[in-house]
Amino acid sequence: LARPAVAYRPPPVRRAVEAVEARPEHP
């Protein structure tokens, strides 16, 4: 949330971020 440019992220970035946020422990 505190990162710069959080107001807009294109869909591919959002999908990758969602994957990481959901399971950061995944290899």
mmCIF file of all heavy atoms, coordinates in Angstrom:
data_MODEL
# 
_entry.id   MODEL 
# 
loop_
_atom_site.group_PDB 
_atom_site.id 
_atom_site.type_symbol 
_atom_site.label_atom_id 
_atom_site.label_alt_id 
_atom_site.label_comp_id 
_atom_site.label_asym_id 
_atom_site.label_entity_id 
_atom_site.label_seq_id 
_atom_site.pdbx_PDB_ins_code 
_atom_site.Cartn_x 
_atom_site.Cartn_y 
_atom_site.Cartn_z 
_atom_site.occupancy 
_atom_site.B_iso_or_equiv 
_atom_site.pdbx_formal_charge 
_atom_site.auth_seq_id 
_atom_site.auth_comp_id 
_atom_site.auth_asym_id 
_atom_site.auth_atom_id 
_atom_site.pdbx_PDB_model_num 
ATOM 1   N N   . LEU A 1 1  ? 0.825  -1.209  0.000   1.00 0.00 ? 1  LEU A N   1 
ATOM 2   C CA  . LEU A 1 1  ? 0.000  0.000   0.000   1.00 0.00 ? 1  LEU A CA  1 
ATOM 3   C C   . LEU A 1 1  ? 0.857  1.256   0.000   1.00 0.00 ? 1  LEU A C   1 
ATOM 4   O O   . LEU A 1 1  ? 0.500  2.266   -0.615  1.00 0.00 ? 1  LEU A O   1 
ATOM 5   C CB  . LEU A 1 1  ? -0.914 -0.008  1.228   1.00 0.00 ? 1  LEU A CB  1 
ATOM 6   C CG  . LEU A 1 1  ? -1.900 1.156   1.362   1.00 0.00 ? 1  LEU A CG  1 
ATOM 7   C CD1 . LEU A 1 1  ? -2.904 1.133   0.219   1.00 0.00 ? 1  LEU A CD1 1 
ATOM 8   C CD2 . LEU A 1 1  ? -2.607 1.082   2.704   1.00 0.00 ? 1  LEU A CD2 1 
ATOM 9   N N   . ALA A 1 2  ? 1.985  1.205   0.679   1.00 0.00 ? 2  ALA A N   1 
ATOM 10  C CA  . ALA A 1 2  ? 2.835  2.387   0.820   1.00 0.00 ? 2  ALA A CA  1 
ATOM 11  C C   . ALA A 1 2  ? 3.780  2.594   -0.366  1.00 0.00 ? 2  ALA A C   1 
ATOM 12  O O   . ALA A 1 2  ? 4.452  3.625   -0.442  1.00 0.00 ? 2  ALA A O   1 
ATOM 13  C CB  . ALA A 1 2  ? 3.658  2.284   2.105   1.00 0.00 ? 2  ALA A CB  1 
ATOM 14  N N   . ARG A 1 3  ? 3.813  1.655   -1.297  1.00 0.00 ? 3  ARG A N   1 
ATOM 15  C CA  . ARG A 1 3  ? 4.722  1.791   -2.425  1.00 0.00 ? 3  ARG A CA  1 
ATOM 16  C C   . ARG A 1 3  ? 4.285  2.928   -3.349  1.00 0.00 ? 3  ARG A C   1 
ATOM 17  O O   . ARG A 1 3  ? 3.101  3.183   -3.520  1.00 0.00 ? 3  ARG A O   1 
ATOM 18  C CB  . ARG A 1 3  ? 4.772  0.495   -3.241  1.00 0.00 ? 3  ARG A CB  1 
ATOM 19  C CG  . ARG A 1 3  ? 5.414  -0.665  -2.521  1.00 0.00 ? 3  ARG A CG  1 
ATOM 20  C CD  . ARG A 1 3  ? 5.378  -1.889  -3.417  1.00 0.00 ? 3  ARG A CD  1 
ATOM 21  N NE  . ARG A 1 3  ? 5.792  -3.071  -2.682  1.00 0.00 ? 3  ARG A NE  1 
ATOM 22  C CZ  . ARG A 1 3  ? 7.047  -3.428  -2.487  1.00 0.00 ? 3  ARG A CZ  1 
ATOM 23  N NH1 . ARG A 1 3  ? 8.010  -2.693  -3.000  1.00 0.00 ? 3  ARG A NH1 1 
ATOM 24  N NH2 . ARG A 1 3  ? 7.344  -4.511  -1.808  1.00 0.00 ? 3  ARG A NH2 1 
ATOM 25  N N   . PRO A 1 4  ? 5.239  3.589   -4.000  1.00 0.00 ? 4  PRO A N   1 
ATOM 26  C CA  . PRO A 1 4  ? 4.877  4.601   -4.999  1.00 0.00 ? 4  PRO A CA  1 
ATOM 27  C C   . PRO A 1 4  ? 4.109  3.965   -6.155  1.00 0.00 ? 4  PRO A C   1 
ATOM 28  O O   . PRO A 1 4  ? 4.248  2.781   -6.452  1.00 0.00 ? 4  PRO A O   1 
ATOM 29  C CB  . PRO A 1 4  ? 6.240  5.127   -5.484  1.00 0.00 ? 4  PRO A CB  1 
ATOM 30  C CG  . PRO A 1 4  ? 7.206  4.752   -4.405  1.00 0.00 ? 4  PRO A CG  1 
ATOM 31  C CD  . PRO A 1 4  ? 6.684  3.480   -3.801  1.00 0.00 ? 4  PRO A CD  1 
ATOM 32  N N   . ALA A 1 5  ? 3.292  4.763   -6.802  1.00 0.00 ? 5  ALA A N   1 
ATOM 33  C CA  . ALA A 1 5  ? 2.529  4.352   -7.989  1.00 0.00 ? 5  ALA A CA  1 
ATOM 34  C C   . ALA A 1 5  ? 1.561  3.225   -7.713  1.00 0.00 ? 5  ALA A C   1 
ATOM 35  O O   . ALA A 1 5  ? 1.197  2.471   -8.599  1.00 0.00 ? 5  ALA A O   1 
ATOM 36  C CB  . ALA A 1 5  ? 3.472  3.942   -9.126  1.00 0.00 ? 5  ALA A CB  1 
ATOM 37  N N   . VAL A 1 6  ? 1.103  3.124   -6.428  1.00 0.00 ? 6  VAL A N   1 
ATOM 38  C CA  . VAL A 1 6  ? 0.148  2.065   -6.117  1.00 0.00 ? 6  VAL A CA  1 
ATOM 39  C C   . VAL A 1 6  ? -1.231 2.358   -6.695  1.00 0.00 ? 6  VAL A C   1 
ATOM 40  O O   . VAL A 1 6  ? -2.071 1.481   -6.785  1.00 0.00 ? 6  VAL A O   1 
ATOM 41  C CB  . VAL A 1 6  ? 0.062  1.882   -4.586  1.00 0.00 ? 6  VAL A CB  1 
ATOM 42  C CG1 . VAL A 1 6  ? -0.696 3.031   -3.934  1.00 0.00 ? 6  VAL A CG1 1 
ATOM 43  C CG2 . VAL A 1 6  ? -0.602 0.545   -4.231  1.00 0.00 ? 6  VAL A CG2 1 
ATOM 44  N N   . ALA A 1 7  ? -1.460 3.615   -7.113  1.00 0.00 ? 7  ALA A N   1 
ATOM 45  C CA  . ALA A 1 7  ? -2.786 3.989   -7.600  1.00 0.00 ? 7  ALA A CA  1 
ATOM 46  C C   . ALA A 1 7  ? -3.160 3.231   -8.873  1.00 0.00 ? 7  ALA A C   1 
ATOM 47  O O   . ALA A 1 7  ? -4.328 2.983   -9.128  1.00 0.00 ? 7  ALA A O   1 
ATOM 48  C CB  . ALA A 1 7  ? -2.849 5.487   -7.850  1.00 0.00 ? 7  ALA A CB  1 
ATOM 49  N N   . TYR A 1 8  ? -2.175 2.879   -9.697  1.00 0.00 ? 8  TYR A N   1 
ATOM 50  C CA  . TYR A 1 8  ? -2.503 2.149   -10.912 1.00 0.00 ? 8  TYR A CA  1 
ATOM 51  C C   . TYR A 1 8  ? -1.457 1.079   -11.173 1.00 0.00 ? 8  TYR A C   1 
ATOM 52  O O   . TYR A 1 8  ? -0.247 1.338   -11.120 1.00 0.00 ? 8  TYR A O   1 
ATOM 53  C CB  . TYR A 1 8  ? -2.568 3.071   -12.131 1.00 0.00 ? 8  TYR A CB  1 
ATOM 54  C CG  . TYR A 1 8  ? -2.761 2.279   -13.405 1.00 0.00 ? 8  TYR A CG  1 
ATOM 55  C CD1 . TYR A 1 8  ? -3.996 1.710   -13.704 1.00 0.00 ? 8  TYR A CD1 1 
ATOM 56  C CD2 . TYR A 1 8  ? -1.692 2.041   -14.267 1.00 0.00 ? 8  TYR A CD2 1 
ATOM 57  C CE1 . TYR A 1 8  ? -4.168 0.949   -14.842 1.00 0.00 ? 8  TYR A CE1 1 
ATOM 58  C CE2 . TYR A 1 8  ? -1.863 1.285   -15.415 1.00 0.00 ? 8  TYR A CE2 1 
ATOM 59  C CZ  . TYR A 1 8  ? -3.102 0.737   -15.702 1.00 0.00 ? 8  TYR A CZ  1 
ATOM 60  O OH  . TYR A 1 8  ? -3.264 -0.038  -16.811 1.00 0.00 ? 8  TYR A OH  1 
ATOM 61  N N   . ARG A 1 9  ? -1.944 -0.105  -11.479 1.00 0.00 ? 9  ARG A N   1 
ATOM 62  C CA  . ARG A 1 9  ? -1.079 -1.204  -11.906 1.00 0.00 ? 9  ARG A CA  1 
ATOM 63  C C   . ARG A 1 9  ? -1.797 -1.928  -13.029 1.00 0.00 ? 9  ARG A C   1 
ATOM 64  O O   . ARG A 1 9  ? -2.980 -2.269  -12.891 1.00 0.00 ? 9  ARG A O   1 
ATOM 65  C CB  . ARG A 1 9  ? -0.820 -2.175  -10.764 1.00 0.00 ? 9  ARG A CB  1 
ATOM 66  C CG  . ARG A 1 9  ? -0.003 -1.594  -9.616  1.00 0.00 ? 9  ARG A CG  1 
ATOM 67  C CD  . ARG A 1 9  ? 0.041  -2.543  -8.454  1.00 0.00 ? 9  ARG A CD  1 
ATOM 68  N NE  . ARG A 1 9  ? 0.812  -1.986  -7.348  1.00 0.00 ? 9  ARG A NE  1 
ATOM 69  C CZ  . ARG A 1 9  ? 0.896  -2.553  -6.156  1.00 0.00 ? 9  ARG A CZ  1 
ATOM 70  N NH1 . ARG A 1 9  ? 0.278  -3.695  -5.916  1.00 0.00 ? 9  ARG A NH1 1 
ATOM 71  N NH2 . ARG A 1 9  ? 1.619  -1.990  -5.198  1.00 0.00 ? 9  ARG A NH2 1 
ATOM 72  N N   . PRO A 1 10 ? -1.122 -2.197  -14.129 1.00 0.00 ? 10 PRO A N   1 
ATOM 73  C CA  . PRO A 1 10 ? -1.776 -2.912  -15.221 1.00 0.00 ? 10 PRO A CA  1 
ATOM 74  C C   . PRO A 1 10 ? -2.117 -4.332  -14.782 1.00 0.00 ? 10 PRO A C   1 
ATOM 75  O O   . PRO A 1 10 ? -1.517 -4.876  -13.846 1.00 0.00 ? 10 PRO A O   1 
ATOM 76  C CB  . PRO A 1 10 ? -0.724 -2.893  -16.337 1.00 0.00 ? 10 PRO A CB  1 
ATOM 77  C CG  . PRO A 1 10 ? 0.579  -2.680  -15.639 1.00 0.00 ? 10 PRO A CG  1 
ATOM 78  C CD  . PRO A 1 10 ? 0.271  -1.846  -14.432 1.00 0.00 ? 10 PRO A CD  1 
ATOM 79  N N   . PRO A 1 11 ? -3.066 -4.962  -15.461 1.00 0.00 ? 11 PRO A N   1 
ATOM 80  C CA  . PRO A 1 11 ? -3.532 -6.306  -15.054 1.00 0.00 ? 11 PRO A CA  1 
ATOM 81  C C   . PRO A 1 11 ? -2.432 -7.335  -14.852 1.00 0.00 ? 11 PRO A C   1 
ATOM 82  O O   . PRO A 1 11 ? -2.484 -8.079  -13.868 1.00 0.00 ? 11 PRO A O   1 
ATOM 83  C CB  . PRO A 1 11 ? -4.503 -6.691  -16.180 1.00 0.00 ? 11 PRO A CB  1 
ATOM 84  C CG  . PRO A 1 11 ? -5.036 -5.382  -16.663 1.00 0.00 ? 11 PRO A CG  1 
ATOM 85  C CD  . PRO A 1 11 ? -3.886 -4.424  -16.569 1.00 0.00 ? 11 PRO A CD  1 
ATOM 86  N N   . PRO A 1 12 ? -1.410 -7.431  -15.723 1.00 0.00 ? 12 PRO A N   1 
ATOM 87  C CA  . PRO A 1 12 ? -0.379 -8.444  -15.463 1.00 0.00 ? 12 PRO A CA  1 
ATOM 88  C C   . PRO A 1 12 ? 0.345  -8.230  -14.139 1.00 0.00 ? 12 PRO A C   1 
ATOM 89  O O   . PRO A 1 12 ? 0.654  -9.199  -13.429 1.00 0.00 ? 12 PRO A O   1 
ATOM 90  C CB  . PRO A 1 12 ? 0.576  -8.280  -16.657 1.00 0.00 ? 12 PRO A CB  1 
ATOM 91  C CG  . PRO A 1 12 ? -0.261 -7.684  -17.735 1.00 0.00 ? 12 PRO A CG  1 
ATOM 92  C CD  . PRO A 1 12 ? -1.196 -6.762  -17.031 1.00 0.00 ? 12 PRO A CD  1 
ATOM 93  N N   . VAL A 1 13 ? 0.623  -6.953  -13.799 1.00 0.00 ? 13 VAL A N   1 
ATOM 94  C CA  . VAL A 1 13 ? 1.282  -6.675  -12.523 1.00 0.00 ? 13 VAL A CA  1 
ATOM 95  C C   . VAL A 1 13 ? 0.355  -7.032  -11.373 1.00 0.00 ? 13 VAL A C   1 
ATOM 96  O O   . VAL A 1 13 ? 0.785  -7.630  -10.376 1.00 0.00 ? 13 VAL A O   1 
ATOM 97  C CB  . VAL A 1 13 ? 1.716  -5.191  -12.449 1.00 0.00 ? 13 VAL A CB  1 
ATOM 98  C CG1 . VAL A 1 13 ? 2.267  -4.868  -11.066 1.00 0.00 ? 13 VAL A CG1 1 
ATOM 99  C CG2 . VAL A 1 13 ? 2.755  -4.895  -13.520 1.00 0.00 ? 13 VAL A CG2 1 
ATOM 100 N N   . ARG A 1 14 ? -0.912 -6.689  -11.495 1.00 0.00 ? 14 ARG A N   1 
ATOM 101 C CA  . ARG A 1 14 ? -1.868 -7.007  -10.428 1.00 0.00 ? 14 ARG A CA  1 
ATOM 102 C C   . ARG A 1 14 ? -1.958 -8.511  -10.208 1.00 0.00 ? 14 ARG A C   1 
ATOM 103 O O   . ARG A 1 14 ? -2.006 -8.979  -9.073  1.00 0.00 ? 14 ARG A O   1 
ATOM 104 C CB  . ARG A 1 14 ? -3.251 -6.441  -10.755 1.00 0.00 ? 14 ARG A CB  1 
ATOM 105 C CG  . ARG A 1 14 ? -3.323 -4.929  -10.688 1.00 0.00 ? 14 ARG A CG  1 
ATOM 106 C CD  . ARG A 1 14 ? -4.748 -4.469  -10.447 1.00 0.00 ? 14 ARG A CD  1 
ATOM 107 N NE  . ARG A 1 14 ? -5.688 -4.967  -11.437 1.00 0.00 ? 14 ARG A NE  1 
ATOM 108 C CZ  . ARG A 1 14 ? -5.998 -4.339  -12.561 1.00 0.00 ? 14 ARG A CZ  1 
ATOM 109 N NH1 . ARG A 1 14 ? -5.428 -3.177  -12.853 1.00 0.00 ? 14 ARG A NH1 1 
ATOM 110 N NH2 . ARG A 1 14 ? -6.882 -4.851  -13.410 1.00 0.00 ? 14 ARG A NH2 1 
ATOM 111 N N   . ARG A 1 15 ? -1.977 -9.268  -11.306 1.00 0.00 ? 15 ARG A N   1 
ATOM 112 C CA  . ARG A 1 15 ? -2.075 -10.730 -11.166 1.00 0.00 ? 15 ARG A CA  1 
ATOM 113 C C   . ARG A 1 15 ? -0.844 -11.292 -10.474 1.00 0.00 ? 15 ARG A C   1 
ATOM 114 O O   . ARG A 1 15 ? -0.948 -12.187 -9.618  1.00 0.00 ? 15 ARG A O   1 
ATOM 115 C CB  . ARG A 1 15 ? -2.284 -11.367 -12.544 1.00 0.00 ? 15 ARG A CB  1 
ATOM 116 C CG  . ARG A 1 15 ? -3.675 -11.131 -13.119 1.00 0.00 ? 15 ARG A CG  1 
ATOM 117 C CD  . ARG A 1 15 ? -3.939 -12.029 -14.318 1.00 0.00 ? 15 ARG A CD  1 
ATOM 118 N NE  . ARG A 1 15 ? -3.162 -11.612 -15.491 1.00 0.00 ? 15 ARG A NE  1 
ATOM 119 C CZ  . ARG A 1 15 ? -3.592 -10.786 -16.426 1.00 0.00 ? 15 ARG A CZ  1 
ATOM 120 N NH1 . ARG A 1 15 ? -4.812 -10.249 -16.324 1.00 0.00 ? 15 ARG A NH1 1 
ATOM 121 N NH2 . ARG A 1 15 ? -2.838 -10.481 -17.474 1.00 0.00 ? 15 ARG A NH2 1 
ATOM 122 N N   . ALA A 1 16 ? 0.326  -10.807 -10.835 1.00 0.00 ? 16 ALA A N   1 
ATOM 123 C CA  . ALA A 1 16 ? 1.551  -11.289 -10.190 1.00 0.00 ? 16 ALA A CA  1 
ATOM 124 C C   . ALA A 1 16 ? 1.583  -10.889 -8.718  1.00 0.00 ? 16 ALA A C   1 
ATOM 125 O O   . ALA A 1 16 ? 1.961  -11.694 -7.849  1.00 0.00 ? 16 ALA A O   1 
ATOM 126 C CB  . ALA A 1 16 ? 2.770  -10.735 -10.921 1.00 0.00 ? 16 ALA A CB  1 
ATOM 127 N N   . VAL A 1 17 ? 1.196  -9.651  -8.424  1.00 0.00 ? 17 VAL A N   1 
ATOM 128 C CA  . VAL A 1 17 ? 1.176  -9.179  -7.031  1.00 0.00 ? 17 VAL A CA  1 
ATOM 129 C C   . VAL A 1 17 ? 0.188  -9.991  -6.206  1.00 0.00 ? 17 VAL A C   1 
ATOM 130 O O   . VAL A 1 17 ? 0.480  -10.379 -5.061  1.00 0.00 ? 17 VAL A O   1 
ATOM 131 C CB  . VAL A 1 17 ? 0.830  -7.675  -6.985  1.00 0.00 ? 17 VAL A CB  1 
ATOM 132 C CG1 . VAL A 1 17 ? 0.453  -7.250  -5.574  1.00 0.00 ? 17 VAL A CG1 1 
ATOM 133 C CG2 . VAL A 1 17 ? 2.005  -6.851  -7.489  1.00 0.00 ? 17 VAL A CG2 1 
ATOM 134 N N   . GLU A 1 18 ? -0.982 -10.270 -6.756  1.00 0.00 ? 18 GLU A N   1 
ATOM 135 C CA  . GLU A 1 18 ? -1.970 -11.081 -6.031  1.00 0.00 ? 18 GLU A CA  1 
ATOM 136 C C   . GLU A 1 18 ? -1.405 -12.453 -5.705  1.00 0.00 ? 18 GLU A C   1 
ATOM 137 O O   . GLU A 1 18 ? -1.622 -12.980 -4.610  1.00 0.00 ? 18 GLU A O   1 
ATOM 138 C CB  . GLU A 1 18 ? -3.244 -11.222 -6.869  1.00 0.00 ? 18 GLU A CB  1 
ATOM 139 C CG  . GLU A 1 18 ? -4.101 -9.978  -6.909  1.00 0.00 ? 18 GLU A CG  1 
ATOM 140 C CD  . GLU A 1 18 ? -5.372 -10.199 -7.706  1.00 0.00 ? 18 GLU A CD  1 
ATOM 141 O OE1 . GLU A 1 18 ? -5.784 -11.370 -7.889  1.00 0.00 ? 18 GLU A OE1 1 
ATOM 142 O OE2 . GLU A 1 18 ? -5.956 -9.206  -8.165  1.00 0.00 ? 18 GLU A OE2 1 
ATOM 143 N N   . ALA A 1 19 ? -0.693 -13.052 -6.643  1.00 0.00 ? 19 ALA A N   1 
ATOM 144 C CA  . ALA A 1 19 ? -0.115 -14.377 -6.411  1.00 0.00 ? 19 ALA A CA  1 
ATOM 145 C C   . ALA A 1 19 ? 0.897  -14.332 -5.275  1.00 0.00 ? 19 ALA A C   1 
ATOM 146 O O   . ALA A 1 19 ? 0.920  -15.213 -4.403  1.00 0.00 ? 19 ALA A O   1 
ATOM 147 C CB  . ALA A 1 19 ? 0.535  -14.894 -7.692  1.00 0.00 ? 19 ALA A CB  1 
ATOM 148 N N   . VAL A 1 20 ? 1.723  -13.296 -5.265  1.00 0.00 ? 20 VAL A N   1 
ATOM 149 C CA  . VAL A 1 20 ? 2.744  -13.178 -4.222  1.00 0.00 ? 20 VAL A CA  1 
ATOM 150 C C   . VAL A 1 20 ? 2.108  -12.876 -2.869  1.00 0.00 ? 20 VAL A C   1 
ATOM 151 O O   . VAL A 1 20 ? 2.474  -13.482 -1.850  1.00 0.00 ? 20 VAL A O   1 
ATOM 152 C CB  . VAL A 1 20 ? 3.763  -12.082 -4.593  1.00 0.00 ? 20 VAL A CB  1 
ATOM 153 C CG1 . VAL A 1 20 ? 4.746  -11.867 -3.444  1.00 0.00 ? 20 VAL A CG1 1 
ATOM 154 C CG2 . VAL A 1 20 ? 4.508  -12.452 -5.867  1.00 0.00 ? 20 VAL A CG2 1 
ATOM 155 N N   . GLU A 1 21 ? 1.168  -11.956 -2.837  1.00 0.00 ? 21 GLU A N   1 
ATOM 156 C CA  . GLU A 1 21 ? 0.533  -11.585 -1.575  1.00 0.00 ? 21 GLU A CA  1 
ATOM 157 C C   . GLU A 1 21 ? -0.241 -12.758 -0.977  1.00 0.00 ? 21 GLU A C   1 
ATOM 158 O O   . GLU A 1 21 ? -0.312 -12.915 0.243   1.00 0.00 ? 21 GLU A O   1 
ATOM 159 C CB  . GLU A 1 21 ? -0.419 -10.396 -1.781  1.00 0.00 ? 21 GLU A CB  1 
ATOM 160 C CG  . GLU A 1 21 ? 0.250  -9.109  -2.206  1.00 0.00 ? 21 GLU A CG  1 
ATOM 161 C CD  . GLU A 1 21 ? 0.937  -8.398  -1.064  1.00 0.00 ? 21 GLU A CD  1 
ATOM 162 O OE1 . GLU A 1 21 ? 0.772  -8.825  0.087   1.00 0.00 ? 21 GLU A OE1 1 
ATOM 163 O OE2 . GLU A 1 21 ? 1.647  -7.410  -1.330  1.00 0.00 ? 21 GLU A OE2 1 
ATOM 164 N N   . ALA A 1 22 ? -0.810 -13.599 -1.830  1.00 0.00 ? 22 ALA A N   1 
ATOM 165 C CA  . ALA A 1 22 ? -1.597 -14.739 -1.341  1.00 0.00 ? 22 ALA A CA  1 
ATOM 166 C C   . ALA A 1 22 ? -0.706 -15.827 -0.754  1.00 0.00 ? 22 ALA A C   1 
ATOM 167 O O   . ALA A 1 22 ? -1.071 -16.461 0.247   1.00 0.00 ? 22 ALA A O   1 
ATOM 168 C CB  . ALA A 1 22 ? -2.442 -15.319 -2.480  1.00 0.00 ? 22 ALA A CB  1 
ATOM 169 N N   . ARG A 1 23 ? 0.482  -16.056 -1.372  1.00 0.00 ? 23 ARG A N   1 
ATOM 170 C CA  . ARG A 1 23 ? 1.371  -17.132 -0.910  1.00 0.00 ? 23 ARG A CA  1 
ATOM 171 C C   . ARG A 1 23 ? 2.827  -16.698 -1.008  1.00 0.00 ? 23 ARG A C   1 
ATOM 172 O O   . ARG A 1 23 ? 3.577  -17.231 -1.833  1.00 0.00 ? 23 ARG A O   1 
ATOM 173 C CB  . ARG A 1 23 ? 1.148  -18.402 -1.730  1.00 0.00 ? 23 ARG A CB  1 
ATOM 174 C CG  . ARG A 1 23 ? -0.198 -19.081 -1.538  1.00 0.00 ? 23 ARG A CG  1 
ATOM 175 C CD  . ARG A 1 23 ? -0.173 -20.475 -2.148  1.00 0.00 ? 23 ARG A CD  1 
ATOM 176 N NE  . ARG A 1 23 ? 0.149  -20.436 -3.575  1.00 0.00 ? 23 ARG A NE  1 
ATOM 177 C CZ  . ARG A 1 23 ? 0.626  -21.471 -4.260  1.00 0.00 ? 23 ARG A CZ  1 
ATOM 178 N NH1 . ARG A 1 23 ? 0.880  -22.612 -3.656  1.00 0.00 ? 23 ARG A NH1 1 
ATOM 179 N NH2 . ARG A 1 23 ? 0.875  -21.369 -5.558  1.00 0.00 ? 23 ARG A NH2 1 
ATOM 180 N N   . PRO A 1 24 ? 3.273  -15.768 -0.195  1.00 0.00 ? 24 PRO A N   1 
ATOM 181 C CA  . PRO A 1 24 ? 4.668  -15.309 -0.314  1.00 0.00 ? 24 PRO A CA  1 
ATOM 182 C C   . PRO A 1 24 ? 5.688  -16.396 -0.010  1.00 0.00 ? 24 PRO A C   1 
ATOM 183 O O   . PRO A 1 24 ? 6.840  -16.304 -0.430  1.00 0.00 ? 24 PRO A O   1 
ATOM 184 C CB  . PRO A 1 24 ? 4.745  -14.166 0.696   1.00 0.00 ? 24 PRO A CB  1 
ATOM 185 C CG  . PRO A 1 24 ? 3.616  -14.386 1.636   1.00 0.00 ? 24 PRO A CG  1 
ATOM 186 C CD  . PRO A 1 24 ? 2.537  -15.036 0.832   1.00 0.00 ? 24 PRO A CD  1 
ATOM 187 N N   . GLU A 1 25 ? 5.276  -17.433 0.735   1.00 0.00 ? 25 GLU A N   1 
ATOM 188 C CA  . GLU A 1 25 ? 6.204  -18.510 1.073   1.00 0.00 ? 25 GLU A CA  1 
ATOM 189 C C   . GLU A 1 25 ? 6.426  -19.481 -0.085  1.00 0.00 ? 25 GLU A C   1 
ATOM 190 O O   . GLU A 1 25 ? 7.331  -20.329 -0.036  1.00 0.00 ? 25 GLU A O   1 
ATOM 191 C CB  . GLU A 1 25 ? 5.680  -19.267 2.293   1.00 0.00 ? 25 GLU A CB  1 
ATOM 192 C CG  . GLU A 1 25 ? 4.479  -20.184 2.044   1.00 0.00 ? 25 GLU A CG  1 
ATOM 193 C CD  . GLU A 1 25 ? 3.148  -19.450 1.945   1.00 0.00 ? 25 GLU A CD  1 
ATOM 194 O OE1 . GLU A 1 25 ? 3.142  -18.203 2.016   1.00 0.00 ? 25 GLU A OE1 1 
ATOM 195 O OE2 . GLU A 1 25 ? 2.107  -20.132 1.801   1.00 0.00 ? 25 GLU A OE2 1 
ATOM 196 N N   . HIS A 1 26 ? 5.625  -19.378 -1.136  1.00 0.00 ? 26 HIS A N   1 
ATOM 197 C CA  . HIS A 1 26 ? 5.742  -20.286 -2.281  1.00 0.00 ? 26 HIS A CA  1 
ATOM 198 C C   . HIS A 1 26 ? 7.099  -20.088 -2.975  1.00 0.00 ? 26 HIS A C   1 
ATOM 199 O O   . HIS A 1 26 ? 7.604  -18.979 -3.062  1.00 0.00 ? 26 HIS A O   1 
ATOM 200 C CB  . HIS A 1 26 ? 4.611  -19.998 -3.276  1.00 0.00 ? 26 HIS A CB  1 
ATOM 201 C CG  . HIS A 1 26 ? 4.608  -20.892 -4.464  1.00 0.00 ? 26 HIS A CG  1 
ATOM 202 N ND1 . HIS A 1 26 ? 4.200  -22.201 -4.414  1.00 0.00 ? 26 HIS A ND1 1 
ATOM 203 C CD2 . HIS A 1 26 ? 4.984  -20.653 -5.763  1.00 0.00 ? 26 HIS A CD2 1 
ATOM 204 C CE1 . HIS A 1 26 ? 4.308  -22.745 -5.611  1.00 0.00 ? 26 HIS A CE1 1 
ATOM 205 N NE2 . HIS A 1 26 ? 4.778  -21.839 -6.446  1.00 0.00 ? 26 HIS A NE2 1 
ATOM 206 N N   . PRO A 1 27 ? 7.718  -21.157 -3.468  1.00 0.00 ? 27 PRO A N   1 
ATOM 207 C CA  . PRO A 1 27 ? 9.025  -21.028 -4.146  1.00 0.00 ? 27 PRO A CA  1 
ATOM 208 C C   . PRO A 1 27 ? 8.877  -20.426 -5.547  1.00 0.00 ? 27 PRO A C   1 
ATOM 209 O O   . PRO A 1 27 ? 9.039  -21.108 -6.567  1.00 0.00 ? 27 PRO A O   1 
ATOM 210 C CB  . PRO A 1 27 ? 9.532  -22.471 -4.194  1.00 0.00 ? 27 PRO A CB  1 
ATOM 211 C CG  . PRO A 1 27 ? 8.303  -23.315 -4.171  1.00 0.00 ? 27 PRO A CG  1 
ATOM 212 C CD  . PRO A 1 27 ? 7.330  -22.577 -3.296  1.00 0.00 ? 27 PRO A CD  1 
# 
